Amino acid sequence: MTYTEFLATQTQPQPPADLSPLLEALWYAGRDEWHLAHSIAQDNEHDPFHNWLHAFLHRQEGDQGNAAYWYRRAHRSQPTVSLRREWEELVRTQLPG
């Protein structure tokens, strides 16, 4: 699936069935379904990409202290780009080419 195809699925009522847990969480995050995305991030705290997502979600909700903690867990510095740009970057890391 390409980034454009992923974006197109955002208008569907449910995420595509074949998404990885991280892409499913990003699908929810892209639709501002914060609690569903956060639940998936919490269930996968062993993975740096999920920790990055977790950081993004707390940044999105405005909890900068919690976001900073999760960015450290993800071994990433706090971004200066917009939330939308960071979300796009996260999605693109998970899609081929």
PDB file of N, CA and C in Angstrom:
ATOM      1  N   MET A   1       0.838  -1.164   0.000  1.00  0.00           N
ATOM      2  CA  MET A   1       0.000   0.000   0.000  1.00  0.00           C
ATOM      3  C   MET A   1       0.894   1.241   0.000  1.00  0.00           C
ATOM      4  N   THR A   2       0.544   2.202  -0.814  1.00  0.00           N
ATOM      5  CA  THR A   2       1.284   3.457  -0.869  1.00  0.00           C
ATOM      6  C   THR A   2       0.705   4.442   0.155  1.00  0.00           C
ATOM      7  N   TYR A   3       1.428   5.526   0.370  1.00  0.00           N
ATOM      8  CA  TYR A   3       0.946   6.561   1.275  1.00  0.00           C
ATOM      9  C   TYR A   3      -0.391   7.124   0.773  1.00  0.00           C
ATOM     10  N   THR A   4      -0.499   7.375  -0.511  1.00  0.00           N
ATOM     11  CA  THR A   4      -1.738   7.902  -1.089  1.00  0.00           C
ATOM     12  C   THR A   4      -2.890   6.931  -0.882  1.00  0.00           C
ATOM     13  N   GLU A   5      -2.631   5.653  -1.070  1.00  0.00           N
ATOM     14  CA  GLU A   5      -3.676   4.644  -0.846  1.00  0.00           C
ATOM     15  C   GLU A   5      -4.080   4.601   0.627  1.00  0.00           C
ATOM     16  N   PHE A   6      -3.087   4.708   1.515  1.00  0.00           N
ATOM     17  CA  PHE A   6      -3.390   4.730   2.947  1.00  0.00           C
ATOM     18  C   PHE A   6      -4.277   5.926   3.280  1.00  0.00           C
ATOM     19  N   LEU A   7      -3.924   7.092   2.753  1.00  0.00           N
ATOM     20  CA  LEU A   7      -4.741   8.288   2.992  1.00  0.00           C
ATOM     21  C   LEU A   7      -6.179   8.085   2.517  1.00  0.00           C
ATOM     22  N   ALA A   8      -6.337   7.438   1.381  1.00  0.00           N
ATOM     23  CA  ALA A   8      -7.673   7.214   0.825  1.00  0.00           C
ATOM     24  C   ALA A   8      -8.534   6.340   1.739  1.00  0.00           C
ATOM     25  N   THR A   9      -7.907   5.454   2.508  1.00  0.00           N
ATOM     26  CA  THR A   9      -8.683   4.583   3.407  1.00  0.00           C
ATOM     27  C   THR A   9      -9.237   5.342   4.601  1.00  0.00           C
ATOM     28  N   GLN A  10      -8.725   6.543   4.853  1.00  0.00           N
ATOM     29  CA  GLN A  10      -9.158   7.327   6.012  1.00  0.00           C
ATOM     30  C   GLN A  10     -10.639   7.714   5.947  1.00  0.00           C
ATOM     31  N   THR A  11     -11.244   7.638   4.766  1.00  0.00           N
ATOM     32  CA  THR A  11     -12.663   7.962   4.627  1.00  0.00           C
ATOM     33  C   THR A  11     -13.556   6.749   4.860  1.00  0.00           C
ATOM     34  N   GLN A  12     -12.964   5.572   4.978  1.00  0.00           N
ATOM     35  CA  GLN A  12     -13.738   4.361   5.225  1.00  0.00           C
ATOM     36  C   GLN A  12     -14.123   4.290   6.703  1.00  0.00           C
ATOM     37  N   PRO A  13     -15.211   3.573   7.016  1.00  0.00           N
ATOM     38  CA  PRO A  13     -15.644   3.509   8.417  1.00  0.00           C
ATOM     39  C   PRO A  13     -14.734   2.667   9.318  1.00  0.00           C
ATOM     40  N   GLN A  14     -13.972   1.764   8.735  1.00  0.00           N
ATOM     41  CA  GLN A  14     -13.069   0.891   9.492  1.00  0.00           C
ATOM     42  C   GLN A  14     -11.717   0.845   8.792  1.00  0.00           C
ATOM     43  N   PRO A  15     -10.642   0.597   9.548  1.00  0.00           N
ATOM     44  CA  PRO A  15      -9.336   0.468   8.895  1.00  0.00           C
ATOM     45  C   PRO A  15      -9.281  -0.803   8.052  1.00  0.00           C
ATOM     46  N   PRO A  16      -8.442  -0.819   7.018  1.00  0.00           N
ATOM     47  CA  PRO A  16      -8.273  -2.046   6.240  1.00  0.00           C
ATOM     48  C   PRO A  16      -7.842  -3.202   7.149  1.00  0.00           C
ATOM     49  N   ALA A  17      -8.320  -4.382   6.853  1.00  0.00           N
ATOM     50  CA  ALA A  17      -8.084  -5.549   7.708  1.00  0.00           C
ATOM     51  C   ALA A  17      -6.624  -5.990   7.740  1.00  0.00           C
ATOM     52  N   ASP A  18      -5.850  -5.681   6.721  1.00  0.00           N
ATOM     53  CA  ASP A  18      -4.487  -6.210   6.634  1.00  0.00           C
ATOM     54  C   ASP A  18      -3.418  -5.268   7.186  1.00  0.00           C
ATOM     55  N   LEU A  19      -3.803  -4.236   7.922  1.00  0.00           N
ATOM     56  CA  LEU A  19      -2.820  -3.310   8.475  1.00  0.00           C
ATOM     57  C   LEU A  19      -2.104  -3.920   9.678  1.00  0.00           C
ATOM     58  N   SER A  20      -0.841  -3.578   9.829  1.00  0.00           N
ATOM     59  CA  SER A  20      -0.108  -3.944  11.038  1.00  0.00           C
ATOM     60  C   SER A  20      -0.728  -3.175  12.204  1.00  0.00           C
ATOM     61  N   PRO A  21      -0.476  -3.606  13.438  1.00  0.00           N
ATOM     62  CA  PRO A  21      -1.008  -2.846  14.571  1.00  0.00           C
ATOM     63  C   PRO A  21      -0.581  -1.375  14.552  1.00  0.00           C
ATOM     64  N   LEU A  22       0.663  -1.106  14.171  1.00  0.00           N
ATOM     65  CA  LEU A  22       1.136   0.273  14.140  1.00  0.00           C
ATOM     66  C   LEU A  22       0.395   1.087  13.083  1.00  0.00           C
ATOM     67  N   LEU A  23       0.234   0.538  11.897  1.00  0.00           N
ATOM     68  CA  LEU A  23      -0.509   1.259  10.862  1.00  0.00           C
ATOM     69  C   LEU A  23      -1.978   1.420  11.242  1.00  0.00           C
ATOM     70  N   GLU A  24      -2.542   0.435  11.917  1.00  0.00           N
ATOM     71  CA  GLU A  24      -3.921   0.571  12.382  1.00  0.00           C
ATOM     72  C   GLU A  24      -4.020   1.737  13.375  1.00  0.00           C
ATOM     73  N   ALA A  25      -3.078   1.813  14.301  1.00  0.00           N
ATOM     74  CA  ALA A  25      -3.070   2.916  15.269  1.00  0.00           C
ATOM     75  C   ALA A  25      -2.893   4.253  14.552  1.00  0.00           C
ATOM     76  N   LEU A  26      -2.033   4.295  13.559  1.00  0.00           N
ATOM     77  CA  LEU A  26      -1.842   5.528  12.791  1.00  0.00           C
ATOM     78  C   LEU A  26      -3.096   5.885  12.005  1.00  0.00           C
ATOM     79  N   TRP A  27      -3.803   4.867  11.527  1.00  0.00           N
ATOM     80  CA  TRP A  27      -5.071   5.098  10.832  1.00  0.00           C
ATOM     81  C   TRP A  27      -6.032   5.810  11.782  1.00  0.00           C
ATOM     82  N   TYR A  28      -6.141   5.291  13.007  1.00  0.00           N
ATOM     83  CA  TYR A  28      -7.019   5.923  14.000  1.00  0.00           C
ATOM     84  C   TYR A  28      -6.522   7.322  14.359  1.00  0.00           C
ATOM     85  N   ALA A  29      -5.229   7.476  14.539  1.00  0.00           N
ATOM     86  CA  ALA A  29      -4.667   8.785  14.888  1.00  0.00           C
ATOM     87  C   ALA A  29      -4.947   9.804  13.786  1.00  0.00           C
ATOM     88  N   GLY A  30      -4.872   9.378  12.543  1.00  0.00           N
ATOM     89  CA  GLY A  30      -5.144  10.271  11.421  1.00  0.00           C
ATOM     90  C   GLY A  30      -6.590  10.725  11.354  1.00  0.00           C
ATOM     91  N   ARG A  31      -7.457   9.999  12.023  1.00  0.00           N
ATOM     92  CA  ARG A  31      -8.878  10.364  12.084  1.00  0.00           C
ATOM     93  C   ARG A  31      -9.241  10.996  13.427  1.00  0.00           C
ATOM     94  N   ASP A  32      -8.216  11.322  14.209  1.00  0.00           N
ATOM     95  CA  ASP A  32      -8.412  11.906  15.540  1.00  0.00           C
ATOM     96  C   ASP A  32      -9.205  10.991  16.466  1.00  0.00           C
ATOM     97  N   GLU A  33      -9.040   9.698  16.289  1.00  0.00           N
ATOM     98  CA  GLU A  33      -9.630   8.715  17.203  1.00  0.00           C
ATOM     99  C   GLU A  33      -8.536   8.322  18.201  1.00  0.00           C
ATOM    100  N   TRP A  34      -8.225   9.290  19.053  1.00  0.00           N
ATOM    101  CA  TRP A  34      -7.078   9.245  19.941  1.00  0.00           C
ATOM    102  C   TRP A  34      -7.065   8.013  20.835  1.00  0.00           C
ATOM    103  N   HIS A  35      -8.172   7.708  21.467  1.00  0.00           N
ATOM    104  CA  HIS A  35      -8.197   6.615  22.443  1.00  0.00           C
ATOM    105  C   HIS A  35      -7.924   5.258  21.797  1.00  0.00           C
ATOM    106  N   LEU A  36      -8.432   5.038  20.606  1.00  0.00           N
ATOM    107  CA  LEU A  36      -8.163   3.773  19.911  1.00  0.00           C
ATOM    108  C   LEU A  36      -6.686   3.664  19.541  1.00  0.00           C
ATOM    109  N   ALA A  37      -6.119   4.759  19.049  1.00  0.00           N
ATOM    110  CA  ALA A  37      -4.692   4.763  18.697  1.00  0.00           C
ATOM    111  C   ALA A  37      -3.835   4.580  19.945  1.00  0.00           C
ATOM    112  N   HIS A  38      -4.191   5.251  21.013  1.00  0.00           N
ATOM    113  CA  HIS A  38      -3.419   5.186  22.257  1.00  0.00           C
ATOM    114  C   HIS A  38      -3.438   3.773  22.836  1.00  0.00           C
ATOM    115  N   SER A  39      -4.557   3.118  22.771  1.00  0.00           N
ATOM    116  CA  SER A  39      -4.669   1.747  23.279  1.00  0.00           C
ATOM    117  C   SER A  39      -3.691   0.815  22.565  1.00  0.00           C
ATOM    118  N   ILE A  40      -3.578   0.948  21.264  1.00  0.00           N
ATOM    119  CA  ILE A  40      -2.643   0.113  20.491  1.00  0.00           C
ATOM    120  C   ILE A  40      -1.201   0.458  20.860  1.00  0.00           C
ATOM    121  N   ALA A  41      -0.912   1.750  21.000  1.00  0.00           N
ATOM    122  CA  ALA A  41       0.443   2.166  21.387  1.00  0.00           C
ATOM    123  C   ALA A  41       0.805   1.579  22.750  1.00  0.00           C
ATOM    124  N   GLN A  42      -0.112   1.627  23.694  1.00  0.00           N
ATOM    125  CA  GLN A  42       0.152   1.097  25.040  1.00  0.00           C
ATOM    126  C   GLN A  42       0.386  -0.406  25.020  1.00  0.00           C
ATOM    127  N   ASP A  43      -0.284  -1.108  24.134  1.00  0.00           N
ATOM    128  CA  ASP A  43      -0.149  -2.565  24.067  1.00  0.00           C
ATOM    129  C   ASP A  43       1.179  -3.011  23.458  1.00  0.00           C
ATOM    130  N   ASN A  44       1.949  -2.073  22.912  1.00  0.00           N
ATOM    131  CA  ASN A  44       3.173  -2.434  22.184  1.00  0.00           C
ATOM    132  C   ASN A  44       4.368  -1.594  22.634  1.00  0.00           C
ATOM    133  N   GLU A  45       4.494  -1.368  23.921  1.00  0.00           N
ATOM    134  CA  GLU A  45       5.537  -0.495  24.455  1.00  0.00           C
ATOM    135  C   GLU A  45       6.949  -1.049  24.291  1.00  0.00           C
ATOM    136  N   HIS A  46       7.078  -2.273  23.829  1.00  0.00           N
ATOM    137  CA  HIS A  46       8.393  -2.882  23.614  1.00  0.00           C
ATOM    138  C   HIS A  46       9.034  -2.421  22.298  1.00  0.00           C
ATOM    139  N   ASP A  47       8.263  -1.739  21.466  1.00  0.00           N
ATOM    140  CA  ASP A  47       8.712  -1.385  20.117  1.00  0.00           C
ATOM    141  C   ASP A  47       8.973   0.118  20.003  1.00  0.00           C
ATOM    142  N   PRO A  48      10.155   0.527  19.533  1.00  0.00           N
ATOM    143  CA  PRO A  48      10.459   1.960  19.421  1.00  0.00           C
ATOM    144  C   PRO A  48       9.485   2.737  18.529  1.00  0.00           C
ATOM    145  N   PHE A  49       8.985   2.125  17.462  1.00  0.00           N
ATOM    146  CA  PHE A  49       8.047   2.841  16.593  1.00  0.00           C
ATOM    147  C   PHE A  49       6.717   3.091  17.315  1.00  0.00           C
ATOM    148  N   HIS A  50       6.262   2.121  18.102  1.00  0.00           N
ATOM    149  CA  HIS A  50       5.048   2.334  18.894  1.00  0.00           C
ATOM    150  C   HIS A  50       5.288   3.407  19.959  1.00  0.00           C
ATOM    151  N   ASN A  51       6.505   3.437  20.513  1.00  0.00           N
ATOM    152  CA  ASN A  51       6.827   4.475  21.484  1.00  0.00           C
ATOM    153  C   ASN A  51       6.836   5.854  20.822  1.00  0.00           C
ATOM    154  N   TRP A  52       7.306   5.918  19.582  1.00  0.00           N
ATOM    155  CA  TRP A  52       7.248   7.171  18.838  1.00  0.00           C
ATOM    156  C   TRP A  52       5.783   7.579  18.634  1.00  0.00           C
ATOM    157  N   LEU A  53       4.952   6.615  18.241  1.00  0.00           N
ATOM    158  CA  LEU A  53       3.528   6.895  18.102  1.00  0.00           C
ATOM    159  C   LEU A  53       2.948   7.379  19.429  1.00  0.00           C
ATOM    160  N   HIS A  54       3.320   6.717  20.507  1.00  0.00           N
ATOM    161  CA  HIS A  54       2.835   7.082  21.835  1.00  0.00           C
ATOM    162  C   HIS A  54       3.227   8.536  22.143  1.00  0.00           C
ATOM    163  N   ALA A  55       4.456   8.900  21.826  1.00  0.00           N
ATOM    164  CA  ALA A  55       4.915  10.280  22.019  1.00  0.00           C
ATOM    165  C   ALA A  55       4.097  11.246  21.187  1.00  0.00           C
ATOM    166  N   PHE A  56       3.907  10.906  19.921  1.00  0.00           N
ATOM    167  CA  PHE A  56       3.109  11.739  19.023  1.00  0.00           C
ATOM    168  C   PHE A  56       1.712  11.962  19.592  1.00  0.00           C
ATOM    169  N   LEU A  57       1.100  10.896  20.082  1.00  0.00           N
ATOM    170  CA  LEU A  57      -0.265  11.005  20.607  1.00  0.00           C
ATOM    171  C   LEU A  57      -0.337  11.947  21.813  1.00  0.00           C
ATOM    172  N   HIS A  58       0.658  11.869  22.690  1.00  0.00           N
ATOM    173  CA  HIS A  58       0.651  12.774  23.835  1.00  0.00           C
ATOM    174  C   HIS A  58       0.968  14.212  23.408  1.00  0.00           C
ATOM    175  N   ARG A  59       1.781  14.351  22.395  1.00  0.00           N
ATOM    176  CA  ARG A  59       2.011  15.694  21.833  1.00  0.00           C
ATOM    177  C   ARG A  59       0.708  16.226  21.242  1.00  0.00           C
ATOM    178  N   GLN A  60      -0.010  15.353  20.557  1.00  0.00           N
ATOM    179  CA  GLN A  60      -1.277  15.732  19.939  1.00  0.00           C
ATOM    180  C   GLN A  60      -2.296  16.193  20.989  1.00  0.00           C
ATOM    181  N   GLU A  61      -2.304  15.539  22.136  1.00  0.00           N
ATOM    182  CA  GLU A  61      -3.268  15.923  23.170  1.00  0.00           C
ATOM    183  C   GLU A  61      -2.790  17.118  23.993  1.00  0.00           C
ATOM    184  N   GLY A  62      -1.556  17.541  23.775  1.00  0.00           N
ATOM    185  CA  GLY A  62      -1.027  18.702  24.478  1.00  0.00           C
ATOM    186  C   GLY A  62      -0.297  18.380  25.769  1.00  0.00           C
ATOM    187  N   ASP A  63      -0.033  17.113  26.031  1.00  0.00           N
ATOM    188  CA  ASP A  63       0.677  16.695  27.248  1.00  0.00           C
ATOM    189  C   ASP A  63       2.170  16.588  26.924  1.00  0.00           C
ATOM    190  N   GLN A  64       2.854  17.727  26.934  1.00  0.00           N
ATOM    191  CA  GLN A  64       4.249  17.787  26.497  1.00  0.00           C
ATOM    192  C   GLN A  64       5.183  16.987  27.401  1.00  0.00           C
ATOM    193  N   GLY A  65       4.919  16.953  28.701  1.00  0.00           N
ATOM    194  CA  GLY A  65       5.763  16.184  29.608  1.00  0.00           C
ATOM    195  C   GLY A  65       5.707  14.701  29.310  1.00  0.00           C
ATOM    196  N   ASN A  66       4.509  14.186  29.118  1.00  0.00           N
ATOM    197  CA  ASN A  66       4.343  12.774  28.786  1.00  0.00           C
ATOM    198  C   ASN A  66       4.921  12.481  27.402  1.00  0.00           C
ATOM    199  N   ALA A  67       4.716  13.393  26.467  1.00  0.00           N
ATOM    200  CA  ALA A  67       5.280  13.225  25.127  1.00  0.00           C
ATOM    201  C   ALA A  67       6.802  13.131  25.200  1.00  0.00           C
ATOM    202  N   ALA A  68       7.428  14.001  25.992  1.00  0.00           N
ATOM    203  CA  ALA A  68       8.892  14.001  26.114  1.00  0.00           C
ATOM    204  C   ALA A  68       9.391  12.653  26.628  1.00  0.00           C
ATOM    205  N   TYR A  69       8.678  12.086  27.596  1.00  0.00           N
ATOM    206  CA  TYR A  69       9.048  10.770  28.126  1.00  0.00           C
ATOM    207  C   TYR A  69       9.039   9.718  27.013  1.00  0.00           C
ATOM    208  N   TRP A  70       7.983   9.717  26.215  1.00  0.00           N
ATOM    209  CA  TRP A  70       7.861   8.702  25.156  1.00  0.00           C
ATOM    210  C   TRP A  70       8.829   8.956  24.008  1.00  0.00           C
ATOM    211  N   TYR A  71       9.151  10.209  23.720  1.00  0.00           N
ATOM    212  CA  TYR A  71      10.186  10.471  22.709  1.00  0.00           C
ATOM    213  C   TYR A  71      11.519   9.898  23.184  1.00  0.00           C
ATOM    214  N   ARG A  72      11.818  10.058  24.471  1.00  0.00           N
ATOM    215  CA  ARG A  72      13.060   9.463  25.004  1.00  0.00           C
ATOM    216  C   ARG A  72      13.022   7.945  24.877  1.00  0.00           C
ATOM    217  N   ARG A  73      11.891   7.337  25.194  1.00  0.00           N
ATOM    218  CA  ARG A  73      11.769   5.875  25.066  1.00  0.00           C
ATOM    219  C   ARG A  73      11.934   5.428  23.611  1.00  0.00           C
ATOM    220  N   ALA A  74      11.537   6.282  22.685  1.00  0.00           N
ATOM    221  CA  ALA A  74      11.644   5.974  21.251  1.00  0.00           C
ATOM    222  C   ALA A  74      13.010   6.344  20.689  1.00  0.00           C
ATOM    223  N   HIS A  75      13.877   6.924  21.524  1.00  0.00           N
ATOM    224  CA  HIS A  75      15.206   7.381  21.096  1.00  0.00           C
ATOM    225  C   HIS A  75      15.096   8.431  19.986  1.00  0.00           C
ATOM    226  N   ARG A  76      14.166   9.371  20.199  1.00  0.00           N
ATOM    227  CA  ARG A  76      13.938  10.440  19.224  1.00  0.00           C
ATOM    228  C   ARG A  76      13.898  11.770  19.956  1.00  0.00           C
ATOM    229  N   SER A  77      14.325  12.805  19.281  1.00  0.00           N
ATOM    230  CA  SER A  77      14.187  14.134  19.867  1.00  0.00           C
ATOM    231  C   SER A  77      12.787  14.664  19.554  1.00  0.00           C
ATOM    232  N   GLN A  78      12.352  15.593  20.370  1.00  0.00           N
ATOM    233  CA  GLN A  78      11.031  16.173  20.175  1.00  0.00           C
ATOM    234  C   GLN A  78      11.033  16.949  18.859  1.00  0.00           C
ATOM    235  N   PRO A  79      10.068  16.687  17.982  1.00  0.00           N
ATOM    236  CA  PRO A  79      10.070  17.335  16.663  1.00  0.00           C
ATOM    237  C   PRO A  79       9.646  18.795  16.723  1.00  0.00           C
ATOM    238  N   THR A  80      10.037  19.509  15.693  1.00  0.00           N
ATOM    239  CA  THR A  80       9.624  20.905  15.549  1.00  0.00           C
ATOM    240  C   THR A  80       8.635  21.067  14.393  1.00  0.00           C
ATOM    241  N   VAL A  81       8.342  19.978  13.706  1.00  0.00           N
ATOM    242  CA  VAL A  81       7.400  20.015  12.585  1.00  0.00           C
ATOM    243  C   VAL A  81       5.965  19.951  13.120  1.00  0.00           C
ATOM    244  N   SER A  82       5.014  20.218  12.236  1.00  0.00           N
ATOM    245  CA  SER A  82       3.604  20.150  12.614  1.00  0.00           C
ATOM    246  C   SER A  82       3.214  18.718  12.968  1.00  0.00           C
ATOM    247  N   LEU A  83       2.124  18.584  13.691  1.00  0.00           N
ATOM    248  CA  LEU A  83       1.609  17.255  14.025  1.00  0.00           C
ATOM    249  C   LEU A  83       1.302  16.464  12.752  1.00  0.00           C
ATOM    250  N   ARG A  84       0.711  17.118  11.785  1.00  0.00           N
ATOM    251  CA  ARG A  84       0.357  16.421  10.539  1.00  0.00           C
ATOM    252  C   ARG A  84       1.601  15.908   9.833  1.00  0.00           C
ATOM    253  N   ARG A  85       2.635  16.717   9.822  1.00  0.00           N
ATOM    254  CA  ARG A  85       3.895  16.312   9.176  1.00  0.00           C
ATOM    255  C   ARG A  85       4.527  15.135   9.921  1.00  0.00           C
ATOM    256  N   GLU A  86       4.496  15.173  11.236  1.00  0.00           N
ATOM    257  CA  GLU A  86       5.047  14.054  12.004  1.00  0.00           C
ATOM    258  C   GLU A  86       4.228  12.789  11.767  1.00  0.00           C
ATOM    259  N   TRP A  87       2.909  12.925  11.716  1.00  0.00           N
ATOM    260  CA  TRP A  87       2.052  11.771  11.440  1.00  0.00           C
ATOM    261  C   TRP A  87       2.400  11.172  10.080  1.00  0.00           C
ATOM    262  N   GLU A  88       2.572  12.011   9.085  1.00  0.00           N
ATOM    263  CA  GLU A  88       2.938  11.544   7.744  1.00  0.00           C
ATOM    264  C   GLU A  88       4.271  10.798   7.791  1.00  0.00           C
ATOM    265  N   GLU A  89       5.234  11.344   8.498  1.00  0.00           N
ATOM    266  CA  GLU A  89       6.541  10.691   8.611  1.00  0.00           C
ATOM    267  C   GLU A  89       6.410   9.307   9.268  1.00  0.00           C
ATOM    268  N   LEU A  90       5.624   9.227  10.317  1.00  0.00           N
ATOM    269  CA  LEU A  90       5.392   7.944  10.977  1.00  0.00           C
ATOM    270  C   LEU A  90       4.767   6.936  10.003  1.00  0.00           C
ATOM    271  N   VAL A  91       3.743   7.372   9.283  1.00  0.00           N
ATOM    272  CA  VAL A  91       3.080   6.485   8.322  1.00  0.00           C
ATOM    273  C   VAL A  91       4.067   6.019   7.263  1.00  0.00           C
ATOM    274  N   ARG A  92       4.830   6.939   6.715  1.00  0.00           N
ATOM    275  CA  ARG A  92       5.747   6.592   5.631  1.00  0.00           C
ATOM    276  C   ARG A  92       6.827   5.612   6.085  1.00  0.00           C
ATOM    277  N   THR A  93       7.206   5.629   7.374  1.00  0.00           N
ATOM    278  CA  THR A  93       8.201   4.657   7.853  1.00  0.00           C
ATOM    279  C   THR A  93       7.666   3.239   7.824  1.00  0.00           C
ATOM    280  N   GLN A  94       6.351   3.100   7.776  1.00  0.00           N
ATOM    281  CA  GLN A  94       5.730   1.790   7.863  1.00  0.00           C
ATOM    282  C   GLN A  94       5.246   1.244   6.519  1.00  0.00           C
ATOM    283  N   LEU A  95       5.328   2.042   5.487  1.00  0.00           N
ATOM    284  CA  LEU A  95       4.858   1.622   4.166  1.00  0.00           C
ATOM    285  C   LEU A  95       6.048   1.390   3.238  1.00  0.00           C
ATOM    286  N   PRO A  96       5.915   0.432   2.335  1.00  0.00           N
ATOM    287  CA  PRO A  96       7.015   0.194   1.375  1.00  0.00           C
ATOM    288  C   PRO A  96       7.169   1.372   0.422  1.00  0.00           C
ATOM    289  N   GLY A  97       8.422   1.653   0.086  1.00  0.00           N
ATOM    290  CA  GLY A  97       8.766   2.662  -0.907  1.00  0.00           C
ATOM    291  C   GLY A  97       8.007   3.890  -0.773  1.00  0.00           C
TER     292      GLY A  97
END
